[in-house]
């Protein structure tokens, strides 16, 4: 059967990595369409090189949160990946209304279009932030399974706008799929990292400041722990789920449960990869930041056989190397300084 793949948010961080993997497996007559408004995923040299080398891949510039935007899509698709969203702690804290509006409208538009276009299977990208409130108040165990209670512990904290939008999206996908017979899979990403993920995330953010010579290096949340998942592993998990009929109608945690690490112990790994040595100045965590996050990926592992392949040390080395080579693209000090001051670097 010929496959038609649609990737919404295809020039973003995970999006382009997924697009590359999908393109490598396209057979004769298969198609891949990537759609993005480039508000986060830039149409840059990486995207241009990818498109130039893959004639079976098409790219559309479109803001799918606008009325009627889905009319640009032609026909039905066998596999649809909804990665497009307003993400990031900075956006949630400074633009919570935009986060809520855009993310919910994107989900509604996609679901309605799935029904009318008779497209077959949808992957919805959710997040571990969906249950962060439950972690904060101590009702969610760690490592965390998919069945934990969903809690927003402080509705007045704009940081939760992202979690709320993703929780709403999970519910919408579940109920729309059930009502209209759409095949849907939800994946909650846990601290996915790798090349081209922007500057406002812990590993690249620390690396860029190290490479710029910051000494002492300011680091928040040194005693908090995270379980980081390299982007290639996350892509493998997504493809495995979309290729498994028994994943339909289910929610899965996507991450790496094997190498949970203190932020304070992550810093030397980044320092070694960057080839620098500097002193550390520690600051407390920002409000709303959970002390620990680690997924239980048993459900994913049992169903698909998924096993993370990239170690934290290897992933950090590859990521920092990419940022060293592309450092000139990330020298906007206003962005970096604002990120460091707010302690957002280890929150994604």
C-alpha atoms as a PDB file:
ATOM      1  CA  UNK A   1       0.000   0.000   0.000  1.00  0.00           C
ATOM      2  CA  UNK A   2       1.259   3.458  -0.892  1.00  0.00           C
ATOM      3  CA  UNK A   3       1.830   5.664   2.133  1.00  0.00           C
ATOM      4  CA  UNK A   4       1.059   9.366   2.390  1.00  0.00           C
ATOM      5  CA  UNK A   5       2.663  10.961   5.425  1.00  0.00           C
ATOM      6  CA  UNK A   6       1.661  14.362   6.797  1.00  0.00           C
ATOM      7  CA  UNK A   7       3.896  16.017   9.351  1.00  0.00           C
ATOM      8  CA  UNK A   8       2.392  19.100  11.032  1.00  0.00           C
ATOM      9  CA  UNK A   9       5.247  21.033  12.610  1.00  0.00           C
ATOM     10  CA  UNK A  10       7.732  19.442  10.250  1.00  0.00           C
ATOM     11  CA  UNK A  11      10.529  22.004  10.404  1.00  0.00           C
ATOM     12  CA  UNK A  12      10.735  22.068  14.189  1.00  0.00           C
ATOM     13  CA  UNK A  13      13.151  20.137  16.376  1.00  0.00           C
ATOM     14  CA  UNK A  14      11.559  16.690  16.560  1.00  0.00           C
ATOM     15  CA  UNK A  15       9.713  17.364  13.299  1.00  0.00           C
ATOM     16  CA  UNK A  16      12.769  17.572  11.062  1.00  0.00           C
ATOM     17  CA  UNK A  17      14.410  14.547  12.687  1.00  0.00           C
ATOM     18  CA  UNK A  18      11.201  12.590  12.104  1.00  0.00           C
ATOM     19  CA  UNK A  19      10.944  13.883   8.527  1.00  0.00           C
ATOM     20  CA  UNK A  20      14.455  12.665   7.769  1.00  0.00           C
ATOM     21  CA  UNK A  21      13.667   9.199   9.083  1.00  0.00           C
ATOM     22  CA  UNK A  22      10.372   8.990   7.197  1.00  0.00           C
ATOM     23  CA  UNK A  23      12.009  10.196   3.983  1.00  0.00           C
ATOM     24  CA  UNK A  24      14.662   7.488   4.230  1.00  0.00           C
ATOM     25  CA  UNK A  25      11.964   4.801   4.116  1.00  0.00           C
ATOM     26  CA  UNK A  26       9.772   6.180   1.320  1.00  0.00           C
ATOM     27  CA  UNK A  27       9.002   3.678  -1.398  1.00  0.00           C
ATOM     28  CA  UNK A  28       7.966   4.247  -4.985  1.00  0.00           C
ATOM     29  CA  UNK A  29       4.800   6.343  -5.023  1.00  0.00           C
ATOM     30  CA  UNK A  30       4.993   7.230  -1.321  1.00  0.00           C
ATOM     31  CA  UNK A  31       4.767  10.885  -0.306  1.00  0.00           C
ATOM     32  CA  UNK A  32       5.730  13.056   2.652  1.00  0.00           C
ATOM     33  CA  UNK A  33       4.237  16.514   3.148  1.00  0.00           C
ATOM     34  CA  UNK A  34       5.630  18.724   5.903  1.00  0.00           C
ATOM     35  CA  UNK A  35       3.694  21.789   7.038  1.00  0.00           C
ATOM     36  CA  UNK A  36       4.940  24.538   9.340  1.00  0.00           C
ATOM     37  CA  UNK A  37       4.434  28.248   9.938  1.00  0.00           C
ATOM     38  CA  UNK A  38       8.138  28.545  10.867  1.00  0.00           C
ATOM     39  CA  UNK A  39       7.318  30.407  14.086  1.00  0.00           C
ATOM     40  CA  UNK A  40       9.524  27.927  15.924  1.00  0.00           C
ATOM     41  CA  UNK A  41      10.834  25.579  13.265  1.00  0.00           C
ATOM     42  CA  UNK A  42      12.918  27.764  10.969  1.00  0.00           C
ATOM     43  CA  UNK A  43      13.096  27.301   7.220  1.00  0.00           C
ATOM     44  CA  UNK A  44      16.866  27.234   7.346  1.00  0.00           C
ATOM     45  CA  UNK A  45      19.826  25.590   5.620  1.00  0.00           C
ATOM     46  CA  UNK A  46      19.038  22.236   7.256  1.00  0.00           C
ATOM     47  CA  UNK A  47      15.500  22.249   5.869  1.00  0.00           C
ATOM     48  CA  UNK A  48      16.640  23.430   2.452  1.00  0.00           C
ATOM     49  CA  UNK A  49      19.262  20.686   2.238  1.00  0.00           C
ATOM     50  CA  UNK A  50      16.747  18.069   3.347  1.00  0.00           C
ATOM     51  CA  UNK A  51      14.178  19.109   0.739  1.00  0.00           C
ATOM     52  CA  UNK A  52      16.780  19.362  -2.025  1.00  0.00           C
ATOM     53  CA  UNK A  53      17.891  15.800  -1.369  1.00  0.00           C
ATOM     54  CA  UNK A  54      14.411  14.301  -1.119  1.00  0.00           C
ATOM     55  CA  UNK A  55      12.230  14.941  -4.181  1.00  0.00           C
ATOM     56  CA  UNK A  56       9.362  12.874  -2.738  1.00  0.00           C
ATOM     57  CA  UNK A  57       9.009  15.396   0.090  1.00  0.00           C
ATOM     58  CA  UNK A  58       6.938  18.554  -0.251  1.00  0.00           C
ATOM     59  CA  UNK A  59       6.869  21.521   2.117  1.00  0.00           C
ATOM     60  CA  UNK A  60       4.055  23.985   2.755  1.00  0.00           C
ATOM     61  CA  UNK A  61       4.185  27.191   4.768  1.00  0.00           C
ATOM     62  CA  UNK A  62       0.869  27.535   6.603  1.00  0.00           C
ATOM     63  CA  UNK A  63      -0.488  28.676   9.962  1.00  0.00           C
ATOM     64  CA  UNK A  64      -2.942  25.897  10.744  1.00  0.00           C
ATOM     65  CA  UNK A  65      -4.410  27.816  13.670  1.00  0.00           C
ATOM     66  CA  UNK A  66      -6.045  30.219  11.229  1.00  0.00           C
ATOM     67  CA  UNK A  67      -9.614  29.635   9.924  1.00  0.00           C
ATOM     68  CA  UNK A  68      -9.760  27.556   6.776  1.00  0.00           C
ATOM     69  CA  UNK A  69      -6.050  26.759   6.856  1.00  0.00           C
ATOM     70  CA  UNK A  70      -6.540  23.021   6.426  1.00  0.00           C
ATOM     71  CA  UNK A  71      -7.999  23.625   2.964  1.00  0.00           C
ATOM     72  CA  UNK A  72      -4.417  23.718   1.652  1.00  0.00           C
ATOM     73  CA  UNK A  73      -4.109  19.979   2.315  1.00  0.00           C
ATOM     74  CA  UNK A  74      -5.032  17.749  -0.599  1.00  0.00           C
ATOM     75  CA  UNK A  75      -6.653  14.364  -0.191  1.00  0.00           C
ATOM     76  CA  UNK A  76      -6.262  11.876   2.644  1.00  0.00           C
ATOM     77  CA  UNK A  77      -3.150  10.648   4.411  1.00  0.00           C
ATOM     78  CA  UNK A  78      -2.319   7.275   5.901  1.00  0.00           C
ATOM     79  CA  UNK A  79      -0.162   8.705   8.718  1.00  0.00           C
ATOM     80  CA  UNK A  80      -0.554  12.138  10.318  1.00  0.00           C
ATOM     81  CA  UNK A  81       1.806  13.475  12.979  1.00  0.00           C
ATOM     82  CA  UNK A  82       0.608  16.481  14.989  1.00  0.00           C
ATOM     83  CA  UNK A  83       3.760  18.033  16.450  1.00  0.00           C
ATOM     84  CA  UNK A  84       2.812  21.664  15.786  1.00  0.00           C
ATOM     85  CA  UNK A  85       2.261  23.645  18.994  1.00  0.00           C
ATOM     86  CA  UNK A  86       3.364  26.686  20.932  1.00  0.00           C
ATOM     87  CA  UNK A  87       5.863  25.155  23.351  1.00  0.00           C
ATOM     88  CA  UNK A  88       8.462  26.243  25.876  1.00  0.00           C
ATOM     89  CA  UNK A  89       8.371  27.597  29.399  1.00  0.00           C
ATOM     90  CA  UNK A  90       9.112  31.133  28.198  1.00  0.00           C
ATOM     91  CA  UNK A  91       6.026  31.159  25.971  1.00  0.00           C
ATOM     92  CA  UNK A  92       3.851  29.628  28.670  1.00  0.00           C
ATOM     93  CA  UNK A  93       4.944  32.214  31.212  1.00  0.00           C
ATOM     94  CA  UNK A  94       4.727  35.261  28.948  1.00  0.00           C
ATOM     95  CA  UNK A  95       1.968  34.285  26.467  1.00  0.00           C
ATOM     96  CA  UNK A  96      -0.346  31.851  28.287  1.00  0.00           C
ATOM     97  CA  UNK A  97      -3.467  32.947  26.404  1.00  0.00           C
ATOM     98  CA  UNK A  98      -1.721  32.396  23.056  1.00  0.00           C
ATOM     99  CA  UNK A  99      -0.497  28.979  24.195  1.00  0.00           C
ATOM    100  CA  UNK A 100      -4.011  27.904  25.150  1.00  0.00           C
ATOM    101  CA  UNK A 101      -5.678  29.294  22.047  1.00  0.00           C
ATOM    102  CA  UNK A 102      -3.198  28.086  19.456  1.00  0.00           C
ATOM    103  CA  UNK A 103      -2.685  24.610  20.849  1.00  0.00           C
ATOM    104  CA  UNK A 104      -6.382  23.884  21.276  1.00  0.00           C
ATOM    105  CA  UNK A 105      -7.315  25.316  17.868  1.00  0.00           C
ATOM    106  CA  UNK A 106      -4.594  23.214  16.217  1.00  0.00           C
ATOM    107  CA  UNK A 107      -5.983  20.045  17.768  1.00  0.00           C
ATOM    108  CA  UNK A 108      -9.586  20.846  16.857  1.00  0.00           C
ATOM    109  CA  UNK A 109      -8.676  21.765  13.314  1.00  0.00           C
ATOM    110  CA  UNK A 110      -6.626  18.622  12.849  1.00  0.00           C
ATOM    111  CA  UNK A 111      -9.324  16.347  14.243  1.00  0.00           C
ATOM    112  CA  UNK A 112     -12.114  17.866  12.158  1.00  0.00           C
ATOM    113  CA  UNK A 113      -9.929  17.681   9.054  1.00  0.00           C
ATOM    114  CA  UNK A 114      -9.009  14.042   9.822  1.00  0.00           C
ATOM    115  CA  UNK A 115     -12.700  13.145   9.720  1.00  0.00           C
ATOM    116  CA  UNK A 116     -13.603  15.039   6.542  1.00  0.00           C
ATOM    117  CA  UNK A 117     -10.467  13.972   4.662  1.00  0.00           C
ATOM    118  CA  UNK A 118     -10.819  10.357   5.766  1.00  0.00           C
ATOM    119  CA  UNK A 119      -7.205  10.305   6.842  1.00  0.00           C
ATOM    120  CA  UNK A 120      -6.310   7.141   8.680  1.00  0.00           C
ATOM    121  CA  UNK A 121      -4.005   7.353  11.708  1.00  0.00           C
ATOM    122  CA  UNK A 122      -2.954  10.263  13.937  1.00  0.00           C
ATOM    123  CA  UNK A 123      -0.022  10.646  16.310  1.00  0.00           C
ATOM    124  CA  UNK A 124      -0.632  13.384  18.880  1.00  0.00           C
ATOM    125  CA  UNK A 125       2.407  14.827  20.643  1.00  0.00           C
ATOM    126  CA  UNK A 126       1.727  15.462  24.330  1.00  0.00           C
ATOM    127  CA  UNK A 127       4.135  16.049  27.190  1.00  0.00           C
ATOM    128  CA  UNK A 128       5.230  14.982  30.657  1.00  0.00           C
ATOM    129  CA  UNK A 129       4.133  18.450  31.780  1.00  0.00           C
ATOM    130  CA  UNK A 130       0.596  17.027  31.656  1.00  0.00           C
ATOM    131  CA  UNK A 131       1.083  15.436  35.063  1.00  0.00           C
ATOM    132  CA  UNK A 132       3.593  17.874  36.586  1.00  0.00           C
ATOM    133  CA  UNK A 133       0.947  19.216  38.962  1.00  0.00           C
ATOM    134  CA  UNK A 134       0.438  15.747  40.385  1.00  0.00           C
ATOM    135  CA  UNK A 135       4.178  15.404  40.942  1.00  0.00           C
ATOM    136  CA  UNK A 136       4.215  18.743  42.770  1.00  0.00           C
ATOM    137  CA  UNK A 137       1.593  17.682  45.295  1.00  0.00           C
ATOM    138  CA  UNK A 138       2.969  14.184  45.760  1.00  0.00           C
ATOM    139  CA  UNK A 139       0.210  12.054  44.223  1.00  0.00           C
ATOM    140  CA  UNK A 140       2.231  10.864  41.233  1.00  0.00           C
ATOM    141  CA  UNK A 141       4.892   8.166  41.710  1.00  0.00           C
ATOM    142  CA  UNK A 142       8.239   8.317  39.906  1.00  0.00           C
ATOM    143  CA  UNK A 143       9.078   6.575  37.587  1.00  0.00           C
ATOM    144  CA  UNK A 144       5.662   7.538  36.251  1.00  0.00           C
ATOM    145  CA  UNK A 145       3.196   5.367  34.355  1.00  0.00           C
ATOM    146  CA  UNK A 146       0.489   6.545  31.967  1.00  0.00           C
ATOM    147  CA  UNK A 147      -2.315   5.904  34.485  1.00  0.00           C
ATOM    148  CA  UNK A 148      -1.446   8.550  37.081  1.00  0.00           C
ATOM    149  CA  UNK A 149      -4.007  11.245  38.028  1.00  0.00           C
ATOM    150  CA  UNK A 150      -3.932  14.443  35.990  1.00  0.00           C
ATOM    151  CA  UNK A 151      -3.722  17.479  38.285  1.00  0.00           C
ATOM    152  CA  UNK A 152      -3.240  21.222  37.804  1.00  0.00           C
ATOM    153  CA  UNK A 153      -2.191  22.319  41.276  1.00  0.00           C
ATOM    154  CA  UNK A 154      -2.120  26.082  40.647  1.00  0.00           C
ATOM    155  CA  UNK A 155      -4.371  27.433  37.911  1.00  0.00           C
ATOM    156  CA  UNK A 156      -3.018  30.959  38.485  1.00  0.00           C
ATOM    157  CA  UNK A 157       0.502  29.965  37.469  1.00  0.00           C
ATOM    158  CA  UNK A 158       0.763  30.738  33.720  1.00  0.00           C
ATOM    159  CA  UNK A 159       3.391  28.023  33.379  1.00  0.00           C
ATOM    160  CA  UNK A 160       0.547  25.502  33.483  1.00  0.00           C
ATOM    161  CA  UNK A 161      -1.044  26.918  30.314  1.00  0.00           C
ATOM    162  CA  UNK A 162       1.038  24.502  28.259  1.00  0.00           C
ATOM    163  CA  UNK A 163       0.135  21.500  30.405  1.00  0.00           C
ATOM    164  CA  UNK A 164      -3.542  22.472  30.306  1.00  0.00           C
ATOM    165  CA  UNK A 165      -3.486  22.798  26.508  1.00  0.00           C
ATOM    166  CA  UNK A 166      -1.896  19.374  26.153  1.00  0.00           C
ATOM    167  CA  UNK A 167      -4.279  17.750  28.633  1.00  0.00           C
ATOM    168  CA  UNK A 168      -7.169  19.250  26.696  1.00  0.00           C
ATOM    169  CA  UNK A 169      -5.620  17.926  23.503  1.00  0.00           C
ATOM    170  CA  UNK A 170      -5.299  14.420  24.917  1.00  0.00           C
ATOM    171  CA  UNK A 171      -8.975  14.429  25.879  1.00  0.00           C
ATOM    172  CA  UNK A 172     -10.048  15.830  22.499  1.00  0.00           C
ATOM    173  CA  UNK A 173      -8.044  13.232  20.588  1.00  0.00           C
ATOM    174  CA  UNK A 174      -9.486  10.453  22.728  1.00  0.00           C
ATOM    175  CA  UNK A 175     -13.128  11.509  22.365  1.00  0.00           C
ATOM    176  CA  UNK A 176     -13.017  12.628  18.710  1.00  0.00           C
ATOM    177  CA  UNK A 177     -11.288   9.408  17.744  1.00  0.00           C
ATOM    178  CA  UNK A 178     -13.889   7.344  19.564  1.00  0.00           C
ATOM    179  CA  UNK A 179     -16.804   9.288  18.080  1.00  0.00           C
ATOM    180  CA  UNK A 180     -15.581   9.399  14.478  1.00  0.00           C
ATOM    181  CA  UNK A 181     -13.552   6.218  14.170  1.00  0.00           C
ATOM    182  CA  UNK A 182     -10.191   7.965  13.820  1.00  0.00           C
ATOM    183  CA  UNK A 183      -7.173   5.827  14.674  1.00  0.00           C
ATOM    184  CA  UNK A 184      -5.200   7.883  17.192  1.00  0.00           C
ATOM    185  CA  UNK A 185      -2.085   7.358  19.295  1.00  0.00           C
ATOM    186  CA  UNK A 186      -0.899   9.796  21.978  1.00  0.00           C
ATOM    187  CA  UNK A 187       2.742  10.043  23.034  1.00  0.00           C
ATOM    188  CA  UNK A 188       3.943  12.038  26.028  1.00  0.00           C
ATOM    189  CA  UNK A 189       7.499  13.194  25.382  1.00  0.00           C
ATOM    190  CA  UNK A 190       9.912  13.276  28.328  1.00  0.00           C
ATOM    191  CA  UNK A 191      12.888  15.627  28.025  1.00  0.00           C
ATOM    192  CA  UNK A 192      13.757  14.891  24.409  1.00  0.00           C
ATOM    193  CA  UNK A 193      17.011  16.561  23.357  1.00  0.00           C
ATOM    194  CA  UNK A 194      19.430  16.696  20.451  1.00  0.00           C
ATOM    195  CA  UNK A 195      20.790  18.895  17.646  1.00  0.00           C
ATOM    196  CA  UNK A 196      18.645  21.768  16.431  1.00  0.00           C
ATOM    197  CA  UNK A 197      16.398  22.022  19.498  1.00  0.00           C
ATOM    198  CA  UNK A 198      16.862  25.761  19.989  1.00  0.00           C
ATOM    199  CA  UNK A 199      18.747  27.487  22.782  1.00  0.00           C
ATOM    200  CA  UNK A 200      16.246  27.513  25.653  1.00  0.00           C
ATOM    201  CA  UNK A 201      16.791  23.939  26.862  1.00  0.00           C
ATOM    202  CA  UNK A 202      19.218  22.726  29.463  1.00  0.00           C
ATOM    203  CA  UNK A 203      21.873  20.973  27.367  1.00  0.00           C
ATOM    204  CA  UNK A 204      22.283  23.487  24.506  1.00  0.00           C
ATOM    205  CA  UNK A 205      21.670  26.437  26.815  1.00  0.00           C
ATOM    206  CA  UNK A 206      24.450  25.375  29.169  1.00  0.00           C
ATOM    207  CA  UNK A 207      26.756  24.508  26.271  1.00  0.00           C
ATOM    208  CA  UNK A 208      26.298  27.862  24.561  1.00  0.00           C
ATOM    209  CA  UNK A 209      27.052  29.798  27.731  1.00  0.00           C
ATOM    210  CA  UNK A 210      30.114  27.637  28.363  1.00  0.00           C
ATOM    211  CA  UNK A 211      31.343  28.205  24.815  1.00  0.00           C
ATOM    212  CA  UNK A 212      30.845  31.943  25.264  1.00  0.00           C
ATOM    213  CA  UNK A 213      33.136  31.855  28.272  1.00  0.00           C
ATOM    214  CA  UNK A 214      30.689  32.402  31.119  1.00  0.00           C
ATOM    215  CA  UNK A 215      32.578  31.815  34.363  1.00  0.00           C
ATOM    216  CA  UNK A 216      31.254  31.202  36.921  1.00  0.00           C
ATOM    217  CA  UNK A 217      28.437  29.382  35.163  1.00  0.00           C
ATOM    218  CA  UNK A 218      25.003  29.990  36.688  1.00  0.00           C
ATOM    219  CA  UNK A 219      23.014  26.769  37.095  1.00  0.00           C
ATOM    220  CA  UNK A 220      19.600  26.433  38.661  1.00  0.00           C
ATOM    221  CA  UNK A 221      17.974  23.312  40.076  1.00  0.00           C
ATOM    222  CA  UNK A 222      21.189  21.335  40.544  1.00  0.00           C
ATOM    223  CA  UNK A 223      19.470  18.796  42.802  1.00  0.00           C
ATOM    224  CA  UNK A 224      16.535  18.202  40.502  1.00  0.00           C
ATOM    225  CA  UNK A 225      16.664  15.105  38.302  1.00  0.00           C
ATOM    226  CA  UNK A 226      15.573  14.450  34.745  1.00  0.00           C
ATOM    227  CA  UNK A 227      15.634  11.453  32.396  1.00  0.00           C
ATOM    228  CA  UNK A 228      16.761  12.736  28.999  1.00  0.00           C
ATOM    229  CA  UNK A 229      15.864  10.975  25.751  1.00  0.00           C
ATOM    230  CA  UNK A 230      17.909  11.519  22.590  1.00  0.00           C
ATOM    231  CA  UNK A 231      15.793  12.616  19.645  1.00  0.00           C
ATOM    232  CA  UNK A 232      16.673   9.627  17.427  1.00  0.00           C
ATOM    233  CA  UNK A 233      15.329   7.302  20.104  1.00  0.00           C
ATOM    234  CA  UNK A 234      12.140   9.360  20.433  1.00  0.00           C
ATOM    235  CA  UNK A 235      11.603   9.167  16.658  1.00  0.00           C
ATOM    236  CA  UNK A 236      12.078   5.388  16.746  1.00  0.00           C
ATOM    237  CA  UNK A 237       9.435   5.150  19.472  1.00  0.00           C
ATOM    238  CA  UNK A 238       6.954   7.244  17.476  1.00  0.00           C
ATOM    239  CA  UNK A 239       7.388   5.157  14.343  1.00  0.00           C
ATOM    240  CA  UNK A 240       7.042   1.962  16.327  1.00  0.00           C
ATOM    241  CA  UNK A 241       3.769   3.121  17.840  1.00  0.00           C
ATOM    242  CA  UNK A 242       2.330   4.310  14.538  1.00  0.00           C
ATOM    243  CA  UNK A 243       3.150   0.947  12.996  1.00  0.00           C
ATOM    244  CA  UNK A 244       1.400  -1.049  15.724  1.00  0.00           C
ATOM    245  CA  UNK A 245      -2.371  -1.509  15.534  1.00  0.00           C
ATOM    246  CA  UNK A 246      -2.596  -2.276  19.245  1.00  0.00           C
ATOM    247  CA  UNK A 247      -1.290   1.231  20.023  1.00  0.00           C
ATOM    248  CA  UNK A 248      -4.460   2.828  18.635  1.00  0.00           C
ATOM    249  CA  UNK A 249      -6.566   4.494  21.312  1.00  0.00           C
ATOM    250  CA  UNK A 250      -3.736   4.418  23.843  1.00  0.00           C
ATOM    251  CA  UNK A 251      -1.360   6.867  25.505  1.00  0.00           C
ATOM    252  CA  UNK A 252       2.350   6.107  25.865  1.00  0.00           C
ATOM    253  CA  UNK A 253       5.271   7.689  27.638  1.00  0.00           C
ATOM    254  CA  UNK A 254       8.196   8.281  25.274  1.00  0.00           C
ATOM    255  CA  UNK A 255      11.538   8.720  26.968  1.00  0.00           C
ATOM    256  CA  UNK A 256      14.582   7.007  28.425  1.00  0.00           C
ATOM    257  CA  UNK A 257      14.100   5.522  31.878  1.00  0.00           C
ATOM    258  CA  UNK A 258      17.631   4.102  32.084  1.00  0.00           C
ATOM    259  CA  UNK A 259      19.746   7.169  32.860  1.00  0.00           C
ATOM    260  CA  UNK A 260      17.998   9.553  35.237  1.00  0.00           C
ATOM    261  CA  UNK A 261      20.501  12.265  36.159  1.00  0.00           C
ATOM    262  CA  UNK A 262      20.852  15.191  38.568  1.00  0.00           C
ATOM    263  CA  UNK A 263      21.171  18.505  36.789  1.00  0.00           C
ATOM    264  CA  UNK A 264      24.278  19.061  38.879  1.00  0.00           C
ATOM    265  CA  UNK A 265      25.768  15.857  37.426  1.00  0.00           C
ATOM    266  CA  UNK A 266      24.676  16.754  33.901  1.00  0.00           C
ATOM    267  CA  UNK A 267      26.770  19.922  33.958  1.00  0.00           C
ATOM    268  CA  UNK A 268      30.163  18.107  33.928  1.00  0.00           C
ATOM    269  CA  UNK A 269      29.022  16.000  30.969  1.00  0.00           C
ATOM    270  CA  UNK A 270      28.186  19.140  29.006  1.00  0.00           C
ATOM    271  CA  UNK A 271      31.420  20.760  30.157  1.00  0.00           C
ATOM    272  CA  UNK A 272      33.476  17.799  28.931  1.00  0.00           C
ATOM    273  CA  UNK A 273      31.683  17.771  25.574  1.00  0.00           C
ATOM    274  CA  UNK A 274      32.251  21.523  25.202  1.00  0.00           C
ATOM    275  CA  UNK A 275      35.933  21.172  26.089  1.00  0.00           C
ATOM    276  CA  UNK A 276      35.821  23.807  28.820  1.00  0.00           C
ATOM    277  CA  UNK A 277      36.237  24.053  32.561  1.00  0.00           C
ATOM    278  CA  UNK A 278      34.490  26.632  34.718  1.00  0.00           C
ATOM    279  CA  UNK A 279      33.231  27.267  38.203  1.00  0.00           C
ATOM    280  CA  UNK A 280      29.553  26.789  39.075  1.00  0.00           C
ATOM    281  CA  UNK A 281      27.246  29.279  40.782  1.00  0.00           C
ATOM    282  CA  UNK A 282      24.051  27.559  41.894  1.00  0.00           C
ATOM    283  CA  UNK A 283      20.599  29.093  42.222  1.00  0.00           C
ATOM    284  CA  UNK A 284      17.327  27.559  43.474  1.00  0.00           C
ATOM    285  CA  UNK A 285      14.697  26.155  41.087  1.00  0.00           C
ATOM    286  CA  UNK A 286      12.024  28.473  39.673  1.00  0.00           C
ATOM    287  CA  UNK A 287       8.426  28.173  40.923  1.00  0.00           C
ATOM    288  CA  UNK A 288       6.461  25.280  39.438  1.00  0.00           C
ATOM    289  CA  UNK A 289       9.512  23.256  38.456  1.00  0.00           C
ATOM    290  CA  UNK A 290       9.170  19.617  39.564  1.00  0.00           C
ATOM    291  CA  UNK A 291      11.994  18.103  41.594  1.00  0.00           C
ATOM    292  CA  UNK A 292      12.081  14.860  39.671  1.00  0.00           C
ATOM    293  CA  UNK A 293      10.825  13.544  36.336  1.00  0.00           C
ATOM    294  CA  UNK A 294      11.358  10.054  34.968  1.00  0.00           C
ATOM    295  CA  UNK A 295       8.952   8.027  32.815  1.00  0.00           C
ATOM    296  CA  UNK A 296       8.044   4.402  33.215  1.00  0.00           C
ATOM    297  CA  UNK A 297       8.172   3.211  29.584  1.00  0.00           C
ATOM    298  CA  UNK A 298       7.148  -0.377  30.298  1.00  0.00           C
ATOM    299  CA  UNK A 299       3.968  -0.014  28.250  1.00  0.00           C
ATOM    300  CA  UNK A 300       5.907   1.256  25.223  1.00  0.00           C
ATOM    301  CA  UNK A 301       8.625  -1.351  25.639  1.00  0.00           C
ATOM    302  CA  UNK A 302       6.254  -4.319  25.947  1.00  0.00           C
ATOM    303  CA  UNK A 303       4.120  -3.335  22.954  1.00  0.00           C
ATOM    304  CA  UNK A 304       6.833  -2.285  20.483  1.00  0.00           C
ATOM    305  CA  UNK A 305      10.081  -3.739  21.817  1.00  0.00           C
ATOM    306  CA  UNK A 306      11.451  -0.198  22.079  1.00  0.00           C
ATOM    307  CA  UNK A 307      14.802   0.198  23.798  1.00  0.00           C
ATOM    308  CA  UNK A 308      16.726   3.489  23.946  1.00  0.00           C
ATOM    309  CA  UNK A 309      19.982   3.111  22.024  1.00  0.00           C
ATOM    310  CA  UNK A 310      21.780   6.419  22.592  1.00  0.00           C
ATOM    311  CA  UNK A 311      23.519   6.848  25.934  1.00  0.00           C
ATOM    312  CA  UNK A 312      23.372  10.188  27.713  1.00  0.00           C
ATOM    313  CA  UNK A 313      27.110  10.736  27.301  1.00  0.00           C
ATOM    314  CA  UNK A 314      26.995  10.014  23.551  1.00  0.00           C
ATOM    315  CA  UNK A 315      23.879  12.115  23.042  1.00  0.00           C
ATOM    316  CA  UNK A 316      25.324  15.057  24.934  1.00  0.00           C
ATOM    317  CA  UNK A 317      28.551  14.806  22.929  1.00  0.00           C
ATOM    318  CA  UNK A 318      26.692  14.831  19.595  1.00  0.00           C
ATOM    319  CA  UNK A 319      24.391  17.646  20.663  1.00  0.00           C
ATOM    320  CA  UNK A 320      27.126  19.910  21.995  1.00  0.00           C
ATOM    321  CA  UNK A 321      29.241  19.278  18.899  1.00  0.00           C
ATOM    322  CA  UNK A 322      26.350  20.435  16.697  1.00  0.00           C
ATOM    323  CA  UNK A 323      25.897  23.585  18.773  1.00  0.00           C
ATOM    324  CA  UNK A 324      29.590  24.350  18.636  1.00  0.00           C
ATOM    325  CA  UNK A 325      29.490  24.137  14.840  1.00  0.00           C
ATOM    326  CA  UNK A 326      26.297  26.228  14.634  1.00  0.00           C
ATOM    327  CA  UNK A 327      27.114  28.598  17.474  1.00  0.00           C
ATOM    328  CA  UNK A 328      26.876  31.692  15.300  1.00  0.00           C
ATOM    329  CA  UNK A 329      23.137  31.089  14.911  1.00  0.00           C
ATOM    330  CA  UNK A 330      22.593  31.283  18.663  1.00  0.00           C
ATOM    331  CA  UNK A 331      24.499  34.380  19.725  1.00  0.00           C
ATOM    332  CA  UNK A 332      21.422  36.423  20.561  1.00  0.00           C
ATOM    333  CA  UNK A 333      22.464  37.387  24.067  1.00  0.00           C
ATOM    334  CA  UNK A 334      19.029  38.743  24.930  1.00  0.00           C
ATOM    335  CA  UNK A 335      17.499  35.309  24.522  1.00  0.00           C
ATOM    336  CA  UNK A 336      20.291  33.487  26.311  1.00  0.00           C
ATOM    337  CA  UNK A 337      20.462  35.905  29.233  1.00  0.00           C
ATOM    338  CA  UNK A 338      16.696  35.892  29.721  1.00  0.00           C
ATOM    339  CA  UNK A 339      16.718  32.106  29.747  1.00  0.00           C
ATOM    340  CA  UNK A 340      19.520  31.888  32.274  1.00  0.00           C
ATOM    341  CA  UNK A 341      18.001  34.500  34.581  1.00  0.00           C
ATOM    342  CA  UNK A 342      14.646  32.762  34.756  1.00  0.00           C
ATOM    343  CA  UNK A 343      16.081  29.293  35.264  1.00  0.00           C
ATOM    344  CA  UNK A 344      14.146  27.870  32.341  1.00  0.00           C
ATOM    345  CA  UNK A 345      17.080  25.903  31.054  1.00  0.00           C
ATOM    346  CA  UNK A 346      16.207  22.565  32.704  1.00  0.00           C
ATOM    347  CA  UNK A 347      12.463  22.690  32.410  1.00  0.00           C
ATOM    348  CA  UNK A 348      11.864  21.061  29.041  1.00  0.00           C
END
